[in-house]
Protein backbone atom coordinates (compact mmCIF):
# COMPACT_ATOMS: atom_id res chain seq x y z
CA MET A 1 -81.75 36.39 85.77
CA THR A 2 -81.31 32.83 84.57
CA GLU A 3 -82.66 31.51 81.35
CA ALA A 4 -84.01 28.02 80.80
CA MET A 5 -81.69 25.60 79.05
CA THR A 6 -82.57 25.11 75.41
CA LEU A 7 -83.15 21.79 73.70
CA GLU A 8 -79.80 22.11 71.93
CA THR A 9 -78.06 22.45 75.30
CA TRP A 10 -79.72 19.28 76.61
CA ILE A 11 -78.81 17.42 73.42
CA GLY A 12 -75.21 18.60 73.77
CA ILE A 13 -75.09 17.43 77.38
CA GLY A 14 -76.55 14.05 76.41
CA VAL A 15 -74.04 13.59 73.57
CA ALA A 16 -71.16 14.50 75.89
CA ILE A 17 -72.29 11.97 78.51
CA VAL A 18 -72.78 9.19 75.96
CA ALA A 19 -69.41 9.96 74.33
CA PHE A 20 -67.62 10.00 77.69
CA TRP A 21 -69.03 6.67 78.82
CA GLY A 22 -68.58 5.13 75.38
CA ILE A 23 -64.92 6.06 75.17
CA ALA A 24 -64.29 5.10 78.80
CA SER A 25 -65.96 1.71 78.30
CA TRP A 26 -64.00 1.06 75.11
CA ALA A 27 -60.71 1.93 76.85
CA MET A 28 -61.49 -0.29 79.82
CA ILE A 29 -62.46 -3.26 77.64
CA ARG A 30 -59.34 -2.85 75.48
CA THR A 31 -57.10 -2.65 78.54
CA LEU A 32 -58.69 -5.71 80.13
CA ARG A 33 -58.21 -7.72 76.93
CA GLN A 34 -54.54 -6.71 76.78
CA GLU A 35 -54.07 -7.73 80.41
CA GLU A 36 -55.74 -11.09 79.70
CA GLN A 37 -53.33 -11.60 76.80
CA LYS A 38 -50.34 -10.75 79.00
CA THR A 39 -51.57 -13.11 81.72
CA ALA A 40 -51.97 -15.94 79.21
CA ILE A 41 -48.42 -15.39 77.94
CA LEU A 42 -47.04 -15.35 81.49
CA ASP A 43 -48.99 -18.47 82.46
CA GLU A 44 -47.62 -20.33 79.45
CA GLN A 45 -44.00 -19.10 79.38
CA ARG A 46 -43.39 -17.57 82.83
CA ARG A 47 -41.74 -14.58 81.11
CA MET A 48 -42.47 -12.09 78.37
CA ASP A 49 -41.10 -9.11 76.47
CA THR A 50 -41.22 -6.05 78.67
CA TYR A 51 -40.64 -3.36 76.04
CA SER A 52 -41.96 -2.64 72.56
CA PRO A 53 -39.41 -2.52 69.70
CA LYS A 54 -39.39 1.28 69.74
CA ALA A 55 -39.10 1.52 73.53
CA LEU A 56 -36.21 -0.95 73.65
CA SER A 57 -34.37 0.97 70.91
CA GLU A 58 -34.91 4.22 72.80
CA LEU A 59 -33.66 2.62 76.02
CA ARG A 60 -30.49 1.48 74.26
CA GLU A 61 -29.96 4.97 72.81
CA TRP A 62 -30.40 6.50 76.27
CA ILE A 63 -27.91 4.05 77.81
CA GLN A 64 -25.33 4.87 75.14
CA ALA A 65 -25.92 8.62 75.45
CA ASN A 66 -25.73 8.65 79.28
CA PRO A 67 -22.92 6.31 80.38
CA ASP A 68 -22.27 8.27 83.59
CA ASP A 69 -25.88 8.47 84.77
CA PRO A 70 -26.46 6.86 88.19
CA TYR A 71 -29.39 4.86 86.75
CA VAL A 72 -27.51 3.42 83.78
CA GLY A 73 -26.78 0.14 85.61
CA ASP A 74 -30.46 -0.44 86.26
CA ALA A 75 -31.30 0.51 82.68
CA LYS A 76 -28.72 -1.96 81.32
CA ARG A 77 -30.10 -4.72 83.54
CA LYS A 78 -33.65 -4.10 82.28
CA TYR A 79 -32.46 -3.88 78.69
CA ASN A 80 -30.54 -7.14 78.91
CA GLU A 81 -33.46 -8.85 80.64
CA CYS A 82 -35.79 -7.88 77.80
CA VAL A 83 -33.28 -9.03 75.14
CA GLU A 84 -32.92 -12.37 76.93
CA ASN A 85 -36.71 -12.78 77.16
CA LEU A 86 -37.08 -12.01 73.46
CA ARG A 87 -34.59 -14.68 72.51
CA GLU A 88 -35.95 -17.34 74.86
CA THR A 89 -39.69 -16.98 74.27
CA ASP A 90 -41.85 -17.98 71.34
CA GLN A 91 -44.93 -15.90 72.04
CA ARG A 92 -44.57 -12.14 72.40
CA PHE A 93 -46.97 -9.42 73.47
CA TYR A 94 -45.51 -6.68 71.26
CA ASP A 95 -45.12 -7.02 67.49
CA TRP A 96 -41.48 -8.07 67.15
CA SER A 97 -40.05 -9.23 63.84
CA ASP A 98 -37.17 -11.72 63.84
CA ALA A 99 -34.91 -9.01 62.38
CA GLU A 100 -35.76 -6.63 65.24
CA VAL A 101 -34.98 -9.32 67.81
CA GLU A 102 -31.63 -10.11 66.18
CA ARG A 103 -30.70 -6.42 66.01
CA HIS A 104 -30.64 -6.15 69.82
CA ASP A 105 -27.58 -7.58 71.50
CA PRO A 106 -27.06 -7.61 75.27
CA LEU A 107 -25.00 -4.71 76.65
């Protein structure tokens, strides 16, 4: 035997639907704005920083910890490319301080 859904159940379903679409819309709008910002940087400079400060530091740590890994050459190339882009560009997507940029030397 099935019971009819209560008002509280319908309210809960409505809140869940509104929350889902609200969060999904916010995420989509935020992502599109970030992509517009990246496109503007690329249009102006033709290159940009590819890693955040934390990600680039972690990549360097991984390279130093895994010198015999078959992918270390590719990782070094990507690391050096990002360091070069940081030093040659004025506008950056990620929040880099001058001290953070200077701390990273090519490998």
